[in-house]
Amino acid sequence: MPIDPSWRVLLLIVLSALIWAWYRRQYPQSSPGAVQRQRLLQPRTPEDCPVCRQQAAPTATAVARPPVTPWSAVKSRRGAPKRIVTQGFACPNRTCAYYRITDAQVHALVGDGTHGRCERIQTLRCQACGATCSTRRDTPLYRLKTASQRVAAESAECDHPLFHDGTERSIPRPENEDEQTCCYS
């Protein structure tokens, strides 16, 4: 069965068009007048921007903060007394005068209710600035959905305590998830 030569020519034209389209797609050529501009990315937070970080960095000429007046001297004597122990916790707001002050006789933290499904987690509020935080802030249990008893039981199975001194406020050892990497060698 002989093939008509016009079909061969048509097949050759279609095949060359497909090869040409594939080549243009694989190796696009920009026009000579178009200049490739680099897209400027905007930082999401001030910590992402090197200029902002450098401006926010403390300098040698930074003025030391004046001594803070204890909150008990600032507030009125009226109202309910503190019932929740806040010793060891501090205000998380960097702009607050009581930021990083953990002494319960000085700082302005009070109990502000509880939250959590498995167990009650105390929430603290700074009376000076209104910022709130959990008692689990800066611990491995912060934002953890698992009950703390289960985390402690898993930690006990690995023959090492979850915390160096057994308290919730201490610095934790590295968290491990599976049995093979759980125990220290």
C-alpha atoms as a PDB file:
ATOM      1  CA  MET A   1       0.000   0.000   0.000  1.00  0.00           C
ATOM      2  CA  PRO A   2       1.801   3.082  -1.201  1.00  0.00           C
ATOM      3  CA  ILE A   3       1.642   6.336   0.803  1.00  0.00           C
ATOM      4  CA  ASP A   4       0.857   9.535  -0.993  1.00  0.00           C
ATOM      5  CA  PRO A   5       3.842  12.000  -0.909  1.00  0.00           C
ATOM      6  CA  SER A   6       1.586  14.889   0.137  1.00  0.00           C
ATOM      7  CA  TRP A   7       0.885  13.075   3.442  1.00  0.00           C
ATOM      8  CA  ARG A   8       4.622  12.795   4.052  1.00  0.00           C
ATOM      9  CA  VAL A   9       5.061  16.526   3.500  1.00  0.00           C
ATOM     10  CA  LEU A  10       2.133  17.333   5.802  1.00  0.00           C
ATOM     11  CA  LEU A  11       3.476  14.945   8.467  1.00  0.00           C
ATOM     12  CA  LEU A  12       6.921  16.561   8.171  1.00  0.00           C
ATOM     13  CA  ILE A  13       5.431  20.061   8.590  1.00  0.00           C
ATOM     14  CA  VAL A  14       3.376  19.087  11.677  1.00  0.00           C
ATOM     15  CA  LEU A  15       6.365  17.305  13.231  1.00  0.00           C
ATOM     16  CA  SER A  16       8.653  20.292  12.664  1.00  0.00           C
ATOM     17  CA  ALA A  17       6.000  22.642  14.135  1.00  0.00           C
ATOM     18  CA  LEU A  18       5.746  20.483  17.262  1.00  0.00           C
ATOM     19  CA  ILE A  19       9.531  20.390  17.647  1.00  0.00           C
ATOM     20  CA  TRP A  20       9.729  24.174  17.177  1.00  0.00           C
ATOM     21  CA  ALA A  21       6.960  24.752  19.807  1.00  0.00           C
ATOM     22  CA  TRP A  22       8.673  22.403  22.254  1.00  0.00           C
ATOM     23  CA  TYR A  23      12.019  24.145  21.738  1.00  0.00           C
ATOM     24  CA  ARG A  24      10.465  27.608  22.299  1.00  0.00           C
ATOM     25  CA  ARG A  25       8.822  26.362  25.471  1.00  0.00           C
ATOM     26  CA  GLN A  26      12.020  24.786  26.830  1.00  0.00           C
ATOM     27  CA  TYR A  27      14.268  27.721  25.945  1.00  0.00           C
ATOM     28  CA  PRO A  28      12.235  30.955  26.039  1.00  0.00           C
ATOM     29  CA  GLN A  29      13.946  34.003  24.626  1.00  0.00           C
ATOM     30  CA  SER A  30      13.278  37.425  26.042  1.00  0.00           C
ATOM     31  CA  SER A  31      12.951  40.344  23.739  1.00  0.00           C
ATOM     32  CA  PRO A  32      16.070  42.542  23.512  1.00  0.00           C
ATOM     33  CA  GLY A  33      14.207  45.572  24.919  1.00  0.00           C
ATOM     34  CA  ALA A  34      12.913  43.770  28.009  1.00  0.00           C
ATOM     35  CA  VAL A  35      15.189  43.958  31.033  1.00  0.00           C
ATOM     36  CA  GLN A  36      14.918  41.243  33.653  1.00  0.00           C
ATOM     37  CA  ARG A  37      14.203  42.931  37.002  1.00  0.00           C
ATOM     38  CA  GLN A  38      14.707  41.186  40.288  1.00  0.00           C
ATOM     39  CA  ARG A  39      11.551  41.126  42.380  1.00  0.00           C
ATOM     40  CA  LEU A  40      11.933  42.920  45.697  1.00  0.00           C
ATOM     41  CA  LEU A  41      10.690  40.820  48.589  1.00  0.00           C
ATOM     42  CA  GLN A  42       9.049  42.597  51.481  1.00  0.00           C
ATOM     43  CA  PRO A  43       9.978  41.436  55.012  1.00  0.00           C
ATOM     44  CA  ARG A  44       7.095  39.939  56.990  1.00  0.00           C
ATOM     45  CA  THR A  45       8.346  41.039  60.389  1.00  0.00           C
ATOM     46  CA  PRO A  46      11.027  43.479  61.587  1.00  0.00           C
ATOM     47  CA  GLU A  47      13.191  40.440  62.468  1.00  0.00           C
ATOM     48  CA  ASP A  48      13.298  39.515  58.746  1.00  0.00           C
ATOM     49  CA  CYS A  49      14.713  42.896  57.722  1.00  0.00           C
ATOM     50  CA  PRO A  50      18.453  43.329  58.388  1.00  0.00           C
ATOM     51  CA  VAL A  51      18.114  47.123  58.527  1.00  0.00           C
ATOM     52  CA  CYS A  52      15.330  46.940  61.114  1.00  0.00           C
ATOM     53  CA  ARG A  53      17.291  44.433  63.191  1.00  0.00           C
ATOM     54  CA  GLN A  54      20.346  46.686  63.149  1.00  0.00           C
ATOM     55  CA  GLN A  55      18.297  49.720  64.176  1.00  0.00           C
ATOM     56  CA  ALA A  56      16.629  47.767  66.977  1.00  0.00           C
ATOM     57  CA  ALA A  57      19.930  46.348  68.250  1.00  0.00           C
ATOM     58  CA  PRO A  58      21.012  47.865  71.565  1.00  0.00           C
ATOM     59  CA  THR A  59      23.926  50.222  71.298  1.00  0.00           C
ATOM     60  CA  ALA A  60      26.583  51.134  73.823  1.00  0.00           C
ATOM     61  CA  THR A  61      24.933  54.525  74.322  1.00  0.00           C
ATOM     62  CA  ALA A  62      21.555  52.990  75.191  1.00  0.00           C
ATOM     63  CA  VAL A  63      20.045  54.535  78.287  1.00  0.00           C
ATOM     64  CA  ALA A  64      19.540  52.126  81.172  1.00  0.00           C
ATOM     65  CA  ARG A  65      15.961  51.722  82.333  1.00  0.00           C
ATOM     66  CA  PRO A  66      15.164  53.526  85.541  1.00  0.00           C
ATOM     67  CA  PRO A  67      14.312  51.409  88.575  1.00  0.00           C
ATOM     68  CA  VAL A  68      10.712  50.236  88.507  1.00  0.00           C
ATOM     69  CA  THR A  69       8.291  51.218  91.239  1.00  0.00           C
ATOM     70  CA  PRO A  70       6.628  48.115  92.720  1.00  0.00           C
ATOM     71  CA  TRP A  71       3.095  47.672  91.407  1.00  0.00           C
ATOM     72  CA  SER A  72       1.734  47.452  94.940  1.00  0.00           C
ATOM     73  CA  ALA A  73       2.839  51.064  95.472  1.00  0.00           C
ATOM     74  CA  VAL A  74       1.283  52.225  92.189  1.00  0.00           C
ATOM     75  CA  LYS A  75      -2.133  50.570  92.436  1.00  0.00           C
ATOM     76  CA  SER A  76      -4.940  51.350  94.829  1.00  0.00           C
ATOM     77  CA  ARG A  77      -5.168  49.371  98.066  1.00  0.00           C
ATOM     78  CA  ARG A  78      -8.781  48.588  97.276  1.00  0.00           C
ATOM     79  CA  GLY A  79      -9.790  45.386  95.500  1.00  0.00           C
ATOM     80  CA  ALA A  80      -9.261  41.704  96.038  1.00  0.00           C
ATOM     81  CA  PRO A  81      -5.825  40.558  97.166  1.00  0.00           C
ATOM     82  CA  LYS A  82      -3.629  38.369  94.978  1.00  0.00           C
ATOM     83  CA  ARG A  83      -4.546  34.706  95.383  1.00  0.00           C
ATOM     84  CA  ILE A  84      -2.510  33.148  92.573  1.00  0.00           C
ATOM     85  CA  VAL A  85       1.234  32.728  93.127  1.00  0.00           C
ATOM     86  CA  THR A  86       2.978  34.635  90.322  1.00  0.00           C
ATOM     87  CA  GLN A  87       6.556  34.395  91.587  1.00  0.00           C
ATOM     88  CA  GLY A  88       8.857  33.362  88.730  1.00  0.00           C
ATOM     89  CA  PHE A  89       6.663  34.706  85.918  1.00  0.00           C
ATOM     90  CA  ALA A  90       7.107  38.012  84.075  1.00  0.00           C
ATOM     91  CA  CYS A  91       5.180  40.288  81.735  1.00  0.00           C
ATOM     92  CA  PRO A  92       5.705  39.203  78.076  1.00  0.00           C
ATOM     93  CA  ASN A  93       5.236  42.721  76.666  1.00  0.00           C
ATOM     94  CA  ARG A  94       8.607  44.263  75.755  1.00  0.00           C
ATOM     95  CA  THR A  95       7.279  47.806  76.084  1.00  0.00           C
ATOM     96  CA  CYS A  96       5.923  47.268  79.602  1.00  0.00           C
ATOM     97  CA  ALA A  97       7.824  48.741  82.544  1.00  0.00           C
ATOM     98  CA  TYR A  98       7.514  45.368  84.310  1.00  0.00           C
ATOM     99  CA  TYR A  99       8.934  43.334  81.402  1.00  0.00           C
ATOM    100  CA  ARG A 100      11.174  40.455  82.614  1.00  0.00           C
ATOM    101  CA  ILE A 101      10.607  41.230  86.287  1.00  0.00           C
ATOM    102  CA  THR A 102       9.852  37.933  88.006  1.00  0.00           C
ATOM    103  CA  ASP A 103       9.615  39.135  91.606  1.00  0.00           C
ATOM    104  CA  ALA A 104       6.006  38.837  92.828  1.00  0.00           C
ATOM    105  CA  GLN A 105       6.477  41.802  95.204  1.00  0.00           C
ATOM    106  CA  VAL A 106       7.358  44.099  92.267  1.00  0.00           C
ATOM    107  CA  HIS A 107       5.606  42.955  89.081  1.00  0.00           C
ATOM    108  CA  ALA A 108       1.967  43.555  88.139  1.00  0.00           C
ATOM    109  CA  LEU A 109       0.900  40.005  87.218  1.00  0.00           C
ATOM    110  CA  VAL A 110      -2.363  38.580  88.538  1.00  0.00           C
ATOM    111  CA  GLY A 111      -4.342  35.427  87.776  1.00  0.00           C
ATOM    112  CA  ASP A 112      -6.775  35.916  84.882  1.00  0.00           C
ATOM    113  CA  GLY A 113      -8.641  32.626  84.704  1.00  0.00           C
ATOM    114  CA  THR A 114      -7.815  29.233  83.294  1.00  0.00           C
ATOM    115  CA  HIS A 115      -8.111  27.393  80.000  1.00  0.00           C
ATOM    116  CA  GLY A 116      -7.484  23.893  78.642  1.00  0.00           C
ATOM    117  CA  ARG A 117      -9.525  20.746  78.137  1.00  0.00           C
ATOM    118  CA  CYS A 118      -7.450  18.059  79.823  1.00  0.00           C
ATOM    119  CA  GLU A 119      -6.277  20.152  82.730  1.00  0.00           C
ATOM    120  CA  ARG A 120      -6.651  23.708  83.958  1.00  0.00           C
ATOM    121  CA  ILE A 121      -3.835  25.958  82.705  1.00  0.00           C
ATOM    122  CA  GLN A 122      -3.524  29.270  84.540  1.00  0.00           C
ATOM    123  CA  THR A 123      -3.567  32.488  82.519  1.00  0.00           C
ATOM    124  CA  LEU A 124      -1.787  35.552  83.916  1.00  0.00           C
ATOM    125  CA  ARG A 125      -2.479  39.212  83.090  1.00  0.00           C
ATOM    126  CA  CYS A 126      -0.212  42.204  83.601  1.00  0.00           C
ATOM    127  CA  GLN A 127      -2.223  44.953  85.306  1.00  0.00           C
ATOM    128  CA  ALA A 128       0.157  47.629  84.008  1.00  0.00           C
ATOM    129  CA  CYS A 129      -0.164  46.951  80.269  1.00  0.00           C
ATOM    130  CA  GLY A 130      -2.955  44.365  79.994  1.00  0.00           C
ATOM    131  CA  ALA A 131      -0.867  41.682  78.241  1.00  0.00           C
ATOM    132  CA  THR A 132      -1.803  38.079  78.988  1.00  0.00           C
ATOM    133  CA  CYS A 133       0.256  34.896  78.976  1.00  0.00           C
ATOM    134  CA  SER A 134       0.061  31.305  80.135  1.00  0.00           C
ATOM    135  CA  THR A 135       2.019  29.856  83.038  1.00  0.00           C
ATOM    136  CA  ARG A 136       3.399  27.416  80.476  1.00  0.00           C
ATOM    137  CA  ARG A 137       5.035  30.173  78.432  1.00  0.00           C
ATOM    138  CA  ASP A 138       8.718  29.455  77.622  1.00  0.00           C
ATOM    139  CA  THR A 139       8.338  25.786  78.595  1.00  0.00           C
ATOM    140  CA  PRO A 140       8.125  22.678  76.405  1.00  0.00           C
ATOM    141  CA  LEU A 141       4.458  22.364  77.386  1.00  0.00           C
ATOM    142  CA  TYR A 142       3.540  25.749  75.826  1.00  0.00           C
ATOM    143  CA  ARG A 143       0.918  25.290  73.044  1.00  0.00           C
ATOM    144  CA  LEU A 144       1.028  21.533  73.562  1.00  0.00           C
ATOM    145  CA  LYS A 145      -2.288  19.694  73.184  1.00  0.00           C
ATOM    146  CA  THR A 146      -1.113  16.537  74.992  1.00  0.00           C
ATOM    147  CA  ALA A 147      -1.767  16.296  78.732  1.00  0.00           C
ATOM    148  CA  SER A 148       1.307  17.043  80.834  1.00  0.00           C
ATOM    149  CA  GLN A 149       0.916  13.734  82.712  1.00  0.00           C
ATOM    150  CA  ARG A 150       1.255  11.810  79.446  1.00  0.00           C
ATOM    151  CA  VAL A 151       4.332  13.832  78.444  1.00  0.00           C
ATOM    152  CA  ALA A 152       5.880  13.125  81.859  1.00  0.00           C
ATOM    153  CA  ALA A 153       5.063   9.385  81.526  1.00  0.00           C
ATOM    154  CA  GLU A 154       6.679   9.224  78.080  1.00  0.00           C
ATOM    155  CA  SER A 155       9.692  11.041  79.454  1.00  0.00           C
ATOM    156  CA  ALA A 156       9.955   8.588  82.368  1.00  0.00           C
ATOM    157  CA  GLU A 157      10.023   5.654  79.938  1.00  0.00           C
ATOM    158  CA  CYS A 158      13.201   7.081  78.419  1.00  0.00           C
ATOM    159  CA  ASP A 159      15.000   7.033  81.802  1.00  0.00           C
ATOM    160  CA  HIS A 160      15.482  10.782  81.988  1.00  0.00           C
ATOM    161  CA  PRO A 161      13.327  13.538  83.450  1.00  0.00           C
ATOM    162  CA  LEU A 162      11.499  15.960  81.186  1.00  0.00           C
ATOM    163  CA  PHE A 163      13.002  18.882  83.063  1.00  0.00           C
ATOM    164  CA  HIS A 164      16.417  19.178  84.692  1.00  0.00           C
ATOM    165  CA  ASP A 165      15.082  19.976  88.142  1.00  0.00           C
ATOM    166  CA  GLY A 166      11.585  18.500  87.759  1.00  0.00           C
ATOM    167  CA  THR A 167       9.755  21.831  87.571  1.00  0.00           C
ATOM    168  CA  GLU A 168       7.710  23.274  84.736  1.00  0.00           C
ATOM    169  CA  ARG A 169       9.803  26.466  84.568  1.00  0.00           C
ATOM    170  CA  SER A 170      13.223  24.893  84.013  1.00  0.00           C
ATOM    171  CA  ILE A 171      15.034  24.549  80.699  1.00  0.00           C
ATOM    172  CA  PRO A 172      14.137  21.241  79.023  1.00  0.00           C
ATOM    173  CA  ARG A 173      16.366  18.629  77.530  1.00  0.00           C
ATOM    174  CA  PRO A 174      15.966  18.182  73.760  1.00  0.00           C
ATOM    175  CA  GLU A 175      12.558  16.825  72.789  1.00  0.00           C
ATOM    176  CA  ASN A 176      12.586  13.470  70.995  1.00  0.00           C
ATOM    177  CA  GLU A 177       9.665  11.697  69.426  1.00  0.00           C
ATOM    178  CA  ASP A 178      10.439   8.082  68.673  1.00  0.00           C
ATOM    179  CA  GLU A 179      11.836   5.289  70.843  1.00  0.00           C
ATOM    180  CA  GLN A 180      15.146   4.958  68.960  1.00  0.00           C
ATOM    181  CA  THR A 181      16.217   8.561  69.515  1.00  0.00           C
ATOM    182  CA  CYS A 182      14.493   9.030  72.870  1.00  0.00           C
ATOM    183  CA  CYS A 183      17.181   7.777  75.222  1.00  0.00           C
ATOM    184  CA  TYR A 184      20.577   9.420  75.479  1.00  0.00           C
ATOM    185  CA  SER A 185      23.608   7.317  74.669  1.00  0.00           C
END
